[in-house]
Amino acid sequence: MNSLYPPRMTGRPGRLEVWYATLTDPRTGTGVWIHHEVAAPRHDGPVRAHGWISVFPPDGPPVTERFGGPDAPPPQGEAYFEVPGVRATPRLLEGTAGAITWRLTVTGGGEPLYTFPRWSWEHELLPASQIVPAPDAVFEGELVVGE
């Protein structure tokens, strides 16, 4: 499973890499979307690492906060995404963005789900390809919105 996570950014113009997690708290019905993205511009310019977290409470409006920006250093260690204040690894999603703070461990996962043919992911022959590396993952931890 871990081999599906490392960034593959080669500097190729126009390359886009996205990792995201969507989850629902079974107790409260609150939904969460954490989106991590690294984009290389089509022409000269810095790679941009950025993203957002959105929280969808069942009884109120969604709350969305953004993080990251241009010139982010490459992730370190097992992290597949890292900008100041936000870090993602195959086993931990953590960060602070605006009014939202989270620290979620990730366990389980199941077999990867290839939404395009597997060869399109492995050989990067199509303009875009995506996978769900851990479709049965379980998230545990803390997510705080505001106080």
Foldseek 3Di string as FASTA:
>chain_A
DLVLQADPDPLAAFDKDKDKDWDADPVQRKIKIWIWMWTHHNDDDFIWTKTKMWIHGPPDHIDMFIDTTGPADQDDDQWRGDGVFWTDHQFWTFGDGPQKTWIKGKDAFPQKAWPDPPVCSVVVPDSDGDIRHGPPIDIDTDMGGHD
